[in-house]
Amino acid sequence: MALIQEGMKKKIALVTGGYSGEAEISYKSAITVGNNIDKEKFFSYKIDITPTEWAYIDENEQRSPVNKEDFSIVDSQGNRITFDAILLCIHGTPGEDGKLQGYFDMLKLPYTSCDVATSAITFNKRYTVAIAAFGGINVAKSLHLFKHTPIANDTILSSLKLPLFVKPNNGGSSLGISKVHAAEELQTALDKAFKEDDQVLVEEFIKGREFTVGVFKFKGKITTLPITEVITKKEFFDYEAKYQGLSEEITPALLDTSDANAINEAALKVYQVLNCRGVVRVDFILNEADRKPYMLEVNTVPGQSAASIIPQQVKVMGWDLKDFYTAIIEEAIL
């Protein structure tokens, strides 16, 4: 990639934090991204969005308020800074569910994630699989439950076959998920999920290997990263497996050509059907029964921490992270 001249350096807001339990992961992602932003092309400014304040954190870790009227800041030299683009590193609300995207759209600020509609839809697991299925993508059979309208457990069990996954419908990082093998386990699983969200997705278990693949747009072309197989030491890929070393991630995945092509084709189709932007990560189960990939969910602001999958896939692809984040930023600015 040709270097942008010094006078053309763009000002990028690296936005992290958030209002959910995923903020901890957001801060880790921001460290990786911040360390790999190309300083020859971009000035970067860390912005921490929390329930109590929106703050610019300068190089001395001093905090100063963000002007929410135009998302501007004042740097440590007293200069007012406005941004050319937003590099989003918030997992969960308000950075992954469309709320900040709407705010930035109103300010006409480009950002490195999906737009409002896609972010809101993909944050809702049930709506995601419904639209994906409508677009011809394989998904598990499921039910969408609301706390305000309880459904009897017998009704759930008459509609879906055990074993089941019970998961909060919104959010990520595998918080609040349970696998249910027997009818008497269902209520405990529902209670756990409803503690995280007012909506819950109950879906049939698909037996098979689990894979995940990053997808991004580079120079206008939708591109897949190398596929990763996720092998968990627990019964499924929950929060501990994902972030506490209880899983093995094999990149590139050991797959025959036809299975790899099927997963890549499905990932590209998901990106198109859901009108994604930036880098997303799509999770699949390769069904043992029919050898077809079944989409589990879409992460529109996937983790970028040292333990995360996207940085692994980028390195296996032969890129360094600096070039990758440059591509993501430049795609947003174009």
C-alpha atoms as a PDB file:
ATOM      1  CA  MET A   1       0.000   0.000   0.000  1.00  0.00           C
ATOM      2  CA  ALA A   2       1.292   3.451  -0.856  1.00  0.00           C
ATOM      3  CA  LEU A   3       2.006   5.632   2.130  1.00  0.00           C
ATOM      4  CA  ILE A   4      -0.157   8.660   2.718  1.00  0.00           C
ATOM      5  CA  GLN A   5       1.974  11.799   2.841  1.00  0.00           C
ATOM      6  CA  GLU A   6       2.562  13.460   6.207  1.00  0.00           C
ATOM      7  CA  GLY A   7       0.309  16.393   5.421  1.00  0.00           C
ATOM      8  CA  MET A   8      -2.513  14.056   4.524  1.00  0.00           C
ATOM      9  CA  LYS A   9      -2.551  12.109   7.793  1.00  0.00           C
ATOM     10  CA  LYS A  10      -6.112  11.407   8.914  1.00  0.00           C
ATOM     11  CA  LYS A  11      -7.360  11.828  12.474  1.00  0.00           C
ATOM     12  CA  ILE A  12      -8.922   8.616  13.771  1.00  0.00           C
ATOM     13  CA  ALA A  13     -10.960   8.198  16.956  1.00  0.00           C
ATOM     14  CA  LEU A  14     -10.297   4.779  18.488  1.00  0.00           C
ATOM     15  CA  VAL A  15     -13.548   4.275  20.383  1.00  0.00           C
ATOM     16  CA  THR A  16     -13.618   1.731  23.202  1.00  0.00           C
ATOM     17  CA  GLY A  17     -15.447   0.921  26.440  1.00  0.00           C
ATOM     18  CA  GLY A  18     -19.184   0.494  26.296  1.00  0.00           C
ATOM     19  CA  TYR A  19     -22.139   0.016  28.605  1.00  0.00           C
ATOM     20  CA  SER A  20     -22.129  -3.776  28.975  1.00  0.00           C
ATOM     21  CA  GLY A  21     -20.082  -6.539  30.577  1.00  0.00           C
ATOM     22  CA  GLU A  22     -18.182  -6.803  27.305  1.00  0.00           C
ATOM     23  CA  ALA A  23     -16.357  -3.527  28.039  1.00  0.00           C
ATOM     24  CA  GLU A  24     -13.488  -5.544  29.524  1.00  0.00           C
ATOM     25  CA  ILE A  25     -12.945  -7.209  26.148  1.00  0.00           C
ATOM     26  CA  SER A  26     -13.310  -3.864  24.356  1.00  0.00           C
ATOM     27  CA  TYR A  27     -10.388  -2.408  26.289  1.00  0.00           C
ATOM     28  CA  LYS A  28      -8.221  -5.404  25.352  1.00  0.00           C
ATOM     29  CA  SER A  29      -9.193  -5.031  21.700  1.00  0.00           C
ATOM     30  CA  ALA A  30      -8.323  -1.335  21.797  1.00  0.00           C
ATOM     31  CA  ILE A  31      -4.800  -2.140  23.030  1.00  0.00           C
ATOM     32  CA  THR A  32      -4.153  -4.426  20.045  1.00  0.00           C
ATOM     33  CA  VAL A  33      -5.676  -2.011  17.541  1.00  0.00           C
ATOM     34  CA  GLY A  34      -3.991   1.043  19.058  1.00  0.00           C
ATOM     35  CA  ASN A  35      -0.589  -0.638  18.939  1.00  0.00           C
ATOM     36  CA  ASN A  36      -1.051  -1.450  15.251  1.00  0.00           C
ATOM     37  CA  ILE A  37      -2.462   1.755  13.772  1.00  0.00           C
ATOM     38  CA  ASP A  38      -0.054   3.021  11.132  1.00  0.00           C
ATOM     39  CA  LYS A  39       1.394   6.182  12.658  1.00  0.00           C
ATOM     40  CA  GLU A  40       2.769   7.258   9.279  1.00  0.00           C
ATOM     41  CA  LYS A  41      -0.782   7.456   7.932  1.00  0.00           C
ATOM     42  CA  PHE A  42      -2.967   8.282  10.918  1.00  0.00           C
ATOM     43  CA  PHE A  43      -3.154  10.280  14.111  1.00  0.00           C
ATOM     44  CA  SER A  44      -5.156   8.197  16.604  1.00  0.00           C
ATOM     45  CA  TYR A  45      -7.001   9.361  19.700  1.00  0.00           C
ATOM     46  CA  LYS A  46      -8.417   6.976  22.298  1.00  0.00           C
ATOM     47  CA  ILE A  47     -12.011   7.693  23.296  1.00  0.00           C
ATOM     48  CA  ASP A  48     -13.524   5.832  26.267  1.00  0.00           C
ATOM     49  CA  ILE A  49     -17.325   5.649  26.274  1.00  0.00           C
ATOM     50  CA  THR A  50     -18.792   4.557  29.621  1.00  0.00           C
ATOM     51  CA  PRO A  51     -22.202   4.915  31.277  1.00  0.00           C
ATOM     52  CA  THR A  52     -20.910   7.909  33.264  1.00  0.00           C
ATOM     53  CA  GLU A  53     -18.758   9.794  30.744  1.00  0.00           C
ATOM     54  CA  TRP A  54     -17.371  10.038  27.226  1.00  0.00           C
ATOM     55  CA  ALA A  55     -13.699  10.863  27.636  1.00  0.00           C
ATOM     56  CA  TYR A  56     -10.581  11.413  25.550  1.00  0.00           C
ATOM     57  CA  ILE A  57      -7.577   9.676  27.131  1.00  0.00           C
ATOM     58  CA  ASP A  58      -4.328  11.374  26.170  1.00  0.00           C
ATOM     59  CA  GLU A  59      -0.813   9.945  26.028  1.00  0.00           C
ATOM     60  CA  ASN A  60      -0.409  10.658  29.770  1.00  0.00           C
ATOM     61  CA  GLU A  61      -3.644   8.812  30.603  1.00  0.00           C
ATOM     62  CA  GLN A  62      -5.320  12.116  31.458  1.00  0.00           C
ATOM     63  CA  ARG A  63      -9.053  12.203  30.781  1.00  0.00           C
ATOM     64  CA  SER A  64     -10.979  15.102  29.264  1.00  0.00           C
ATOM     65  CA  PRO A  65     -14.587  15.277  28.090  1.00  0.00           C
ATOM     66  CA  VAL A  66     -15.763  14.634  24.544  1.00  0.00           C
ATOM     67  CA  ASN A  67     -18.037  17.296  23.079  1.00  0.00           C
ATOM     68  CA  LYS A  68     -21.101  15.217  22.196  1.00  0.00           C
ATOM     69  CA  GLU A  69     -22.485  17.917  19.915  1.00  0.00           C
ATOM     70  CA  ASP A  70     -19.873  17.144  17.244  1.00  0.00           C
ATOM     71  CA  PHE A  71     -17.734  14.381  18.829  1.00  0.00           C
ATOM     72  CA  SER A  72     -14.763  16.709  19.044  1.00  0.00           C
ATOM     73  CA  ILE A  73     -12.071  16.826  21.734  1.00  0.00           C
ATOM     74  CA  VAL A  74      -9.398  19.200  22.981  1.00  0.00           C
ATOM     75  CA  ASP A  75      -5.938  17.607  23.047  1.00  0.00           C
ATOM     76  CA  SER A  76      -3.225  18.095  25.674  1.00  0.00           C
ATOM     77  CA  GLN A  77      -1.842  21.089  23.732  1.00  0.00           C
ATOM     78  CA  GLY A  78      -5.227  22.813  23.764  1.00  0.00           C
ATOM     79  CA  ASN A  79      -6.040  22.098  20.115  1.00  0.00           C
ATOM     80  CA  ARG A  80      -9.615  21.284  19.125  1.00  0.00           C
ATOM     81  CA  ILE A  81      -9.653  17.984  17.217  1.00  0.00           C
ATOM     82  CA  THR A  82     -12.365  16.752  14.880  1.00  0.00           C
ATOM     83  CA  PHE A  83     -12.151  13.307  13.331  1.00  0.00           C
ATOM     84  CA  ASP A  84     -11.984  11.948   9.805  1.00  0.00           C
ATOM     85  CA  ALA A  85     -13.209   8.491  10.839  1.00  0.00           C
ATOM     86  CA  ILE A  86     -14.211   6.367  13.797  1.00  0.00           C
ATOM     87  CA  LEU A  87     -12.473   3.051  14.483  1.00  0.00           C
ATOM     88  CA  LEU A  88     -14.984   1.158  16.606  1.00  0.00           C
ATOM     89  CA  CYS A  89     -13.703  -1.206  19.299  1.00  0.00           C
ATOM     90  CA  ILE A  90     -16.835  -1.473  21.440  1.00  0.00           C
ATOM     91  CA  HIS A  91     -18.282  -4.951  21.830  1.00  0.00           C
ATOM     92  CA  GLY A  92     -21.887  -4.887  23.000  1.00  0.00           C
ATOM     93  CA  THR A  93     -24.001  -1.786  23.474  1.00  0.00           C
ATOM     94  CA  PRO A  94     -23.786   1.004  22.309  1.00  0.00           C
ATOM     95  CA  GLY A  95     -21.103   0.217  19.713  1.00  0.00           C
ATOM     96  CA  GLU A  96     -22.324  -3.063  18.268  1.00  0.00           C
ATOM     97  CA  ASP A  97     -26.105  -2.588  18.318  1.00  0.00           C
ATOM     98  CA  GLY A  98     -26.472   0.447  16.048  1.00  0.00           C
ATOM     99  CA  LYS A  99     -26.840   3.176  18.674  1.00  0.00           C
ATOM    100  CA  LEU A 100     -23.476   4.844  18.097  1.00  0.00           C
ATOM    101  CA  GLN A 101     -23.755   4.216  14.362  1.00  0.00           C
ATOM    102  CA  GLY A 102     -26.908   6.334  14.263  1.00  0.00           C
ATOM    103  CA  TYR A 103     -25.180   9.087  16.224  1.00  0.00           C
ATOM    104  CA  PHE A 104     -22.178   9.074  13.876  1.00  0.00           C
ATOM    105  CA  ASP A 105     -24.456   9.035  10.820  1.00  0.00           C
ATOM    106  CA  MET A 106     -26.158  12.202  12.067  1.00  0.00           C
ATOM    107  CA  LEU A 107     -22.742  13.823  12.425  1.00  0.00           C
ATOM    108  CA  LYS A 108     -21.726  12.527   8.967  1.00  0.00           C
ATOM    109  CA  LEU A 109     -18.704  10.775  10.479  1.00  0.00           C
ATOM    110  CA  PRO A 110     -17.613   7.547   8.717  1.00  0.00           C
ATOM    111  CA  TYR A 111     -16.994   4.505  10.915  1.00  0.00           C
ATOM    112  CA  THR A 112     -15.456   1.054  10.558  1.00  0.00           C
ATOM    113  CA  SER A 113     -18.458  -1.145  11.216  1.00  0.00           C
ATOM    114  CA  CYS A 114     -21.825  -2.132   9.822  1.00  0.00           C
ATOM    115  CA  ASP A 115     -24.511   0.543   9.501  1.00  0.00           C
ATOM    116  CA  VAL A 116     -27.392   1.160  11.915  1.00  0.00           C
ATOM    117  CA  ALA A 117     -29.827  -1.360  10.453  1.00  0.00           C
ATOM    118  CA  THR A 118     -27.335  -4.203  10.078  1.00  0.00           C
ATOM    119  CA  SER A 119     -25.825  -3.598  13.520  1.00  0.00           C
ATOM    120  CA  ALA A 120     -29.255  -3.610  15.187  1.00  0.00           C
ATOM    121  CA  ILE A 121     -30.386  -6.729  13.326  1.00  0.00           C
ATOM    122  CA  THR A 122     -27.218  -8.756  13.905  1.00  0.00           C
ATOM    123  CA  PHE A 123     -27.188  -7.822  17.605  1.00  0.00           C
ATOM    124  CA  ASN A 124     -30.485  -9.708  17.800  1.00  0.00           C
ATOM    125  CA  LYS A 125     -29.593 -13.360  17.242  1.00  0.00           C
ATOM    126  CA  ARG A 126     -33.135 -14.404  16.287  1.00  0.00           C
ATOM    127  CA  TYR A 127     -33.582 -11.657  13.685  1.00  0.00           C
ATOM    128  CA  THR A 128     -30.149 -12.495  12.278  1.00  0.00           C
ATOM    129  CA  VAL A 129     -30.946 -16.168  11.700  1.00  0.00           C
ATOM    130  CA  ALA A 130     -34.411 -15.312  10.358  1.00  0.00           C
ATOM    131  CA  ILE A 131     -33.006 -12.958   7.701  1.00  0.00           C
ATOM    132  CA  ALA A 132     -30.165 -15.347   6.931  1.00  0.00           C
ATOM    133  CA  ALA A 133     -32.643 -18.203   6.430  1.00  0.00           C
ATOM    134  CA  PHE A 134     -34.751 -15.979   4.168  1.00  0.00           C
ATOM    135  CA  GLY A 135     -31.588 -15.403   2.137  1.00  0.00           C
ATOM    136  CA  GLY A 136     -31.011 -19.135   1.701  1.00  0.00           C
ATOM    137  CA  ILE A 137     -28.430 -19.672   4.451  1.00  0.00           C
ATOM    138  CA  ASN A 138     -28.736 -22.797   6.635  1.00  0.00           C
ATOM    139  CA  VAL A 139     -29.612 -22.136  10.293  1.00  0.00           C
ATOM    140  CA  ALA A 140     -30.765 -24.224  13.251  1.00  0.00           C
ATOM    141  CA  LYS A 141     -34.442 -24.471  14.142  1.00  0.00           C
ATOM    142  CA  SER A 142     -35.186 -22.064  17.006  1.00  0.00           C
ATOM    143  CA  LEU A 143     -37.727 -20.203  19.141  1.00  0.00           C
ATOM    144  CA  HIS A 144     -37.621 -16.550  20.211  1.00  0.00           C
ATOM    145  CA  LEU A 145     -38.801 -15.967  23.804  1.00  0.00           C
ATOM    146  CA  PHE A 146     -39.714 -12.693  25.530  1.00  0.00           C
ATOM    147  CA  LYS A 147     -39.699 -12.142  29.286  1.00  0.00           C
ATOM    148  CA  HIS A 148     -42.998 -10.244  29.090  1.00  0.00           C
ATOM    149  CA  THR A 149     -44.759 -13.166  27.339  1.00  0.00           C
ATOM    150  CA  PRO A 150     -43.743 -16.459  28.990  1.00  0.00           C
ATOM    151  CA  ILE A 151     -44.087 -19.717  27.059  1.00  0.00           C
ATOM    152  CA  ALA A 152     -44.554 -22.996  28.903  1.00  0.00           C
ATOM    153  CA  ASN A 153     -41.534 -25.274  28.894  1.00  0.00           C
ATOM    154  CA  ASP A 154     -43.692 -28.096  27.527  1.00  0.00           C
ATOM    155  CA  THR A 155     -44.540 -25.905  24.525  1.00  0.00           C
ATOM    156  CA  ILE A 156     -40.843 -25.266  23.870  1.00  0.00           C
ATOM    157  CA  LEU A 157     -40.019 -28.945  24.155  1.00  0.00           C
ATOM    158  CA  SER A 158     -42.849 -29.917  21.840  1.00  0.00           C
ATOM    159  CA  SER A 159     -41.505 -27.548  19.168  1.00  0.00           C
ATOM    160  CA  LEU A 160     -37.777 -28.281  19.432  1.00  0.00           C
ATOM    161  CA  LYS A 161     -35.777 -31.472  19.903  1.00  0.00           C
ATOM    162  CA  LEU A 162     -33.266 -31.911  22.721  1.00  0.00           C
ATOM    163  CA  PRO A 163     -30.444 -31.137  23.184  1.00  0.00           C
ATOM    164  CA  LEU A 164     -30.947 -27.376  23.006  1.00  0.00           C
ATOM    165  CA  PHE A 165     -28.879 -24.235  23.320  1.00  0.00           C
ATOM    166  CA  VAL A 166     -30.401 -21.443  25.398  1.00  0.00           C
ATOM    167  CA  LYS A 167     -28.773 -18.041  24.974  1.00  0.00           C
ATOM    168  CA  PRO A 168     -29.483 -14.358  25.517  1.00  0.00           C
ATOM    169  CA  ASN A 169     -30.817 -13.000  22.257  1.00  0.00           C
ATOM    170  CA  ASN A 170     -28.781  -9.791  22.333  1.00  0.00           C
ATOM    171  CA  GLY A 171     -25.128  -9.306  23.180  1.00  0.00           C
ATOM    172  CA  GLY A 172     -22.062 -11.413  22.683  1.00  0.00           C
ATOM    173  CA  SER A 173     -18.965 -12.947  24.269  1.00  0.00           C
ATOM    174  CA  SER A 174     -21.035 -16.089  24.982  1.00  0.00           C
ATOM    175  CA  LEU A 175     -22.383 -14.731  28.262  1.00  0.00           C
ATOM    176  CA  GLY A 176     -25.432 -16.488  29.742  1.00  0.00           C
ATOM    177  CA  ILE A 177     -25.432 -19.491  27.388  1.00  0.00           C
ATOM    178  CA  SER A 178     -26.412 -23.021  28.482  1.00  0.00           C
ATOM    179  CA  LYS A 179     -26.666 -26.375  26.779  1.00  0.00           C
ATOM    180  CA  VAL A 180     -29.760 -28.323  27.819  1.00  0.00           C
ATOM    181  CA  HIS A 181     -29.752 -32.121  27.593  1.00  0.00           C
ATOM    182  CA  ALA A 182     -32.867 -32.931  29.599  1.00  0.00           C
ATOM    183  CA  ALA A 183     -36.273 -31.301  30.136  1.00  0.00           C
ATOM    184  CA  GLU A 184     -35.594 -30.657  33.833  1.00  0.00           C
ATOM    185  CA  GLU A 185     -32.560 -28.499  32.927  1.00  0.00           C
ATOM    186  CA  LEU A 186     -34.509 -26.088  30.746  1.00  0.00           C
ATOM    187  CA  GLN A 187     -35.864 -23.728  33.422  1.00  0.00           C
ATOM    188  CA  THR A 188     -32.443 -23.152  34.986  1.00  0.00           C
ATOM    189  CA  ALA A 189     -31.026 -22.358  31.567  1.00  0.00           C
ATOM    190  CA  LEU A 190     -33.854 -19.939  30.795  1.00  0.00           C
ATOM    191  CA  ASP A 191     -33.390 -18.168  34.143  1.00  0.00           C
ATOM    192  CA  LYS A 192     -29.660 -17.786  33.439  1.00  0.00           C
ATOM    193  CA  ALA A 193     -30.256 -16.332  29.983  1.00  0.00           C
ATOM    194  CA  PHE A 194     -33.031 -13.984  31.129  1.00  0.00           C
ATOM    195  CA  LYS A 195     -30.635 -12.506  33.708  1.00  0.00           C
ATOM    196  CA  GLU A 196     -28.588 -11.209  30.744  1.00  0.00           C
ATOM    197  CA  ASP A 197     -31.436 -10.129  28.454  1.00  0.00           C
ATOM    198  CA  ASP A 198     -35.210  -9.715  28.198  1.00  0.00           C
ATOM    199  CA  GLN A 199     -35.182 -11.862  25.056  1.00  0.00           C
ATOM    200  CA  VAL A 200     -33.877 -15.408  24.773  1.00  0.00           C
ATOM    201  CA  LEU A 201     -33.139 -17.667  21.807  1.00  0.00           C
ATOM    202  CA  VAL A 202     -33.679 -21.401  22.175  1.00  0.00           C
ATOM    203  CA  GLU A 203     -32.292 -23.433  19.309  1.00  0.00           C
ATOM    204  CA  GLU A 204     -31.741 -27.059  18.440  1.00  0.00           C
ATOM    205  CA  PHE A 205     -28.244 -28.438  18.802  1.00  0.00           C
ATOM    206  CA  ILE A 206     -26.490 -29.326  15.550  1.00  0.00           C
ATOM    207  CA  LYS A 207     -23.807 -31.967  15.900  1.00  0.00           C
ATOM    208  CA  GLY A 208     -20.644 -31.120  14.028  1.00  0.00           C
ATOM    209  CA  ARG A 209     -17.384 -29.197  14.031  1.00  0.00           C
ATOM    210  CA  GLU A 210     -17.432 -25.480  14.824  1.00  0.00           C
ATOM    211  CA  PHE A 211     -15.739 -22.965  12.556  1.00  0.00           C
ATOM    212  CA  THR A 212     -15.486 -19.215  12.396  1.00  0.00           C
ATOM    213  CA  VAL A 213     -14.327 -16.978   9.567  1.00  0.00           C
ATOM    214  CA  GLY A 214     -13.592 -13.279   9.299  1.00  0.00           C
ATOM    215  CA  VAL A 215     -14.993 -11.414   6.313  1.00  0.00           C
ATOM    216  CA  PHE A 216     -14.085  -7.874   5.246  1.00  0.00           C
ATOM    217  CA  LYS A 217     -14.180  -5.603   2.246  1.00  0.00           C
ATOM    218  CA  PHE A 218     -10.845  -4.640   0.695  1.00  0.00           C
ATOM    219  CA  LYS A 219     -10.667  -2.303  -2.306  1.00  0.00           C
ATOM    220  CA  GLY A 220     -14.357  -2.880  -2.870  1.00  0.00           C
ATOM    221  CA  LYS A 221     -14.089  -6.683  -2.910  1.00  0.00           C
ATOM    222  CA  ILE A 222     -15.568  -8.886  -0.183  1.00  0.00           C
ATOM    223  CA  THR A 223     -12.784 -11.135   1.110  1.00  0.00           C
ATOM    224  CA  THR A 224     -12.673 -14.027   3.580  1.00  0.00           C
ATOM    225  CA  LEU A 225      -9.852 -14.557   6.047  1.00  0.00           C
ATOM    226  CA  PRO A 226      -8.497 -18.070   6.700  1.00  0.00           C
ATOM    227  CA  ILE A 227     -11.036 -20.291   8.481  1.00  0.00           C
ATOM    228  CA  THR A 228     -10.510 -21.170  12.155  1.00  0.00           C
ATOM    229  CA  GLU A 229     -11.765 -24.349  13.801  1.00  0.00           C
ATOM    230  CA  VAL A 230     -12.792 -23.888  17.429  1.00  0.00           C
ATOM    231  CA  ILE A 231     -12.322 -26.932  19.653  1.00  0.00           C
ATOM    232  CA  THR A 232     -13.459 -26.251  23.205  1.00  0.00           C
ATOM    233  CA  LYS A 233     -12.323 -28.101  26.314  1.00  0.00           C
ATOM    234  CA  LYS A 234     -15.766 -27.376  27.737  1.00  0.00           C
ATOM    235  CA  GLU A 235     -19.050 -28.672  26.388  1.00  0.00           C
ATOM    236  CA  PHE A 236     -19.448 -25.630  24.156  1.00  0.00           C
ATOM    237  CA  PHE A 237     -17.684 -22.346  23.331  1.00  0.00           C
ATOM    238  CA  ASP A 238     -18.789 -20.238  26.321  1.00  0.00           C
ATOM    239  CA  TYR A 239     -17.170 -17.154  27.904  1.00  0.00           C
ATOM    240  CA  GLU A 240     -14.535 -19.170  29.802  1.00  0.00           C
ATOM    241  CA  ALA A 241     -13.636 -21.198  26.729  1.00  0.00           C
ATOM    242  CA  LYS A 242     -13.418 -18.038  24.647  1.00  0.00           C
ATOM    243  CA  TYR A 243     -11.392 -15.809  26.984  1.00  0.00           C
ATOM    244  CA  GLN A 244      -9.805 -18.008  29.658  1.00  0.00           C
ATOM    245  CA  GLY A 245      -7.819 -20.431  27.554  1.00  0.00           C
ATOM    246  CA  LEU A 246     -10.277 -23.314  27.620  1.00  0.00           C
ATOM    247  CA  SER A 247     -10.418 -23.727  23.868  1.00  0.00           C
ATOM    248  CA  GLU A 248      -8.099 -24.599  21.029  1.00  0.00           C
ATOM    249  CA  GLU A 249      -8.257 -22.532  17.864  1.00  0.00           C
ATOM    250  CA  ILE A 250      -6.725 -24.021  14.746  1.00  0.00           C
ATOM    251  CA  THR A 251      -5.960 -21.541  11.969  1.00  0.00           C
ATOM    252  CA  PRO A 252      -6.066 -22.419   9.163  1.00  0.00           C
ATOM    253  CA  ALA A 253      -8.647 -25.096   9.884  1.00  0.00           C
ATOM    254  CA  LEU A 254      -7.906 -28.615   8.673  1.00  0.00           C
ATOM    255  CA  LEU A 255     -10.650 -29.008   6.076  1.00  0.00           C
ATOM    256  CA  ASP A 256     -11.008 -30.662   2.731  1.00  0.00           C
ATOM    257  CA  THR A 257     -11.434 -28.282  -0.189  1.00  0.00           C
ATOM    258  CA  SER A 258     -15.170 -28.818  -0.649  1.00  0.00           C
ATOM    259  CA  ASP A 259     -15.978 -28.125   3.021  1.00  0.00           C
ATOM    260  CA  ALA A 260     -13.710 -25.056   3.094  1.00  0.00           C
ATOM    261  CA  ASN A 261     -15.322 -23.733  -0.083  1.00  0.00           C
ATOM    262  CA  ALA A 262     -18.803 -24.279   1.363  1.00  0.00           C
ATOM    263  CA  ILE A 263     -17.952 -22.347   4.530  1.00  0.00           C
ATOM    264  CA  ASN A 264     -16.306 -19.500   2.606  1.00  0.00           C
ATOM    265  CA  GLU A 265     -19.233 -19.259   0.186  1.00  0.00           C
ATOM    266  CA  ALA A 266     -21.700 -19.194   3.081  1.00  0.00           C
ATOM    267  CA  ALA A 267     -19.667 -16.482   4.864  1.00  0.00           C
ATOM    268  CA  LEU A 268     -19.572 -14.309   1.747  1.00  0.00           C
ATOM    269  CA  LYS A 269     -23.319 -14.786   1.303  1.00  0.00           C
ATOM    270  CA  VAL A 270     -23.978 -13.794   4.925  1.00  0.00           C
ATOM    271  CA  TYR A 271     -21.929 -10.604   4.433  1.00  0.00           C
ATOM    272  CA  GLN A 272     -23.957  -9.752   1.327  1.00  0.00           C
ATOM    273  CA  VAL A 273     -27.419 -10.749   2.599  1.00  0.00           C
ATOM    274  CA  LEU A 274     -26.998  -8.764   5.818  1.00  0.00           C
ATOM    275  CA  ASN A 275     -25.357  -5.800   4.022  1.00  0.00           C
ATOM    276  CA  CYS A 276     -22.281  -5.881   6.262  1.00  0.00           C
ATOM    277  CA  ARG A 277     -19.419  -3.373   6.301  1.00  0.00           C
ATOM    278  CA  GLY A 278     -15.989  -3.418   7.855  1.00  0.00           C
ATOM    279  CA  VAL A 279     -14.746  -6.696   9.291  1.00  0.00           C
ATOM    280  CA  VAL A 280     -17.236  -9.179  10.717  1.00  0.00           C
ATOM    281  CA  ARG A 281     -16.844 -12.714  12.018  1.00  0.00           C
ATOM    282  CA  VAL A 282     -19.354 -15.403  11.107  1.00  0.00           C
ATOM    283  CA  ASP A 283     -19.669 -18.568  13.205  1.00  0.00           C
ATOM    284  CA  PHE A 284     -20.747 -21.892  11.695  1.00  0.00           C
ATOM    285  CA  ILE A 285     -21.355 -25.520  12.574  1.00  0.00           C
ATOM    286  CA  LEU A 286     -20.466 -27.966   9.818  1.00  0.00           C
ATOM    287  CA  ASN A 287     -23.373 -30.373  10.241  1.00  0.00           C
ATOM    288  CA  GLU A 288     -22.254 -33.997  10.474  1.00  0.00           C
ATOM    289  CA  ALA A 289     -25.562 -35.159   9.035  1.00  0.00           C
ATOM    290  CA  ASP A 290     -25.586 -33.313   5.701  1.00  0.00           C
ATOM    291  CA  ARG A 291     -22.044 -31.809   5.468  1.00  0.00           C
ATOM    292  CA  LYS A 292     -23.497 -28.313   5.143  1.00  0.00           C
ATOM    293  CA  PRO A 293     -22.428 -25.215   7.131  1.00  0.00           C
ATOM    294  CA  TYR A 294     -25.121 -23.829   9.445  1.00  0.00           C
ATOM    295  CA  MET A 295     -24.714 -20.217  10.539  1.00  0.00           C
ATOM    296  CA  LEU A 296     -24.778 -19.624  14.288  1.00  0.00           C
ATOM    297  CA  GLU A 297     -24.320 -15.868  14.541  1.00  0.00           C
ATOM    298  CA  VAL A 298     -22.585 -12.794  13.147  1.00  0.00           C
ATOM    299  CA  ASN A 299     -20.207 -10.615  15.171  1.00  0.00           C
ATOM    300  CA  THR A 300     -20.095  -7.159  13.597  1.00  0.00           C
ATOM    301  CA  VAL A 301     -17.407  -5.816  15.977  1.00  0.00           C
ATOM    302  CA  PRO A 302     -15.327  -8.963  16.507  1.00  0.00           C
ATOM    303  CA  GLY A 303     -12.693  -9.094  19.219  1.00  0.00           C
ATOM    304  CA  GLN A 304      -9.212  -7.829  18.394  1.00  0.00           C
ATOM    305  CA  SER A 305      -7.398  -8.710  21.622  1.00  0.00           C
ATOM    306  CA  ALA A 306      -4.277 -10.852  21.715  1.00  0.00           C
ATOM    307  CA  ALA A 307      -6.537 -13.861  22.418  1.00  0.00           C
ATOM    308  CA  SER A 308      -8.984 -13.063  19.618  1.00  0.00           C
ATOM    309  CA  ILE A 309      -9.516 -14.964  16.398  1.00  0.00           C
ATOM    310  CA  ILE A 310      -9.423 -12.174  13.798  1.00  0.00           C
ATOM    311  CA  PRO A 311      -5.785 -11.201  14.522  1.00  0.00           C
ATOM    312  CA  GLN A 312      -4.847 -14.899  14.237  1.00  0.00           C
ATOM    313  CA  GLN A 313      -6.550 -15.146  10.849  1.00  0.00           C
ATOM    314  CA  VAL A 314      -4.950 -11.947   9.568  1.00  0.00           C
ATOM    315  CA  LYS A 315      -1.472 -13.248  10.405  1.00  0.00           C
ATOM    316  CA  VAL A 316      -2.129 -16.618   8.745  1.00  0.00           C
ATOM    317  CA  MET A 317      -3.318 -14.754   5.648  1.00  0.00           C
ATOM    318  CA  GLY A 318       0.163 -13.210   5.465  1.00  0.00           C
ATOM    319  CA  TRP A 319      -0.751  -9.649   6.424  1.00  0.00           C
ATOM    320  CA  ASP A 320       0.464  -7.771   9.435  1.00  0.00           C
ATOM    321  CA  LEU A 321      -2.142  -6.101  11.617  1.00  0.00           C
ATOM    322  CA  LYS A 322      -0.949  -2.624  10.647  1.00  0.00           C
ATOM    323  CA  ASP A 323      -1.840  -3.230   6.995  1.00  0.00           C
ATOM    324  CA  PHE A 324      -5.130  -4.862   7.957  1.00  0.00           C
ATOM    325  CA  TYR A 325      -6.341  -1.969  10.134  1.00  0.00           C
ATOM    326  CA  THR A 326      -5.184   0.468   7.465  1.00  0.00           C
ATOM    327  CA  ALA A 327      -7.349  -1.367   4.935  1.00  0.00           C
ATOM    328  CA  ILE A 328     -10.349  -1.272   7.285  1.00  0.00           C
ATOM    329  CA  ILE A 329      -9.950   2.456   7.983  1.00  0.00           C
ATOM    330  CA  GLU A 330      -9.401   3.374   4.345  1.00  0.00           C
ATOM    331  CA  GLU A 331     -12.454   1.367   3.276  1.00  0.00           C
ATOM    332  CA  ALA A 332     -14.547   3.366   5.785  1.00  0.00           C
ATOM    333  CA  ILE A 333     -13.202   6.722   4.605  1.00  0.00           C
ATOM    334  CA  LEU A 334     -13.695   6.062   0.882  1.00  0.00           C
END
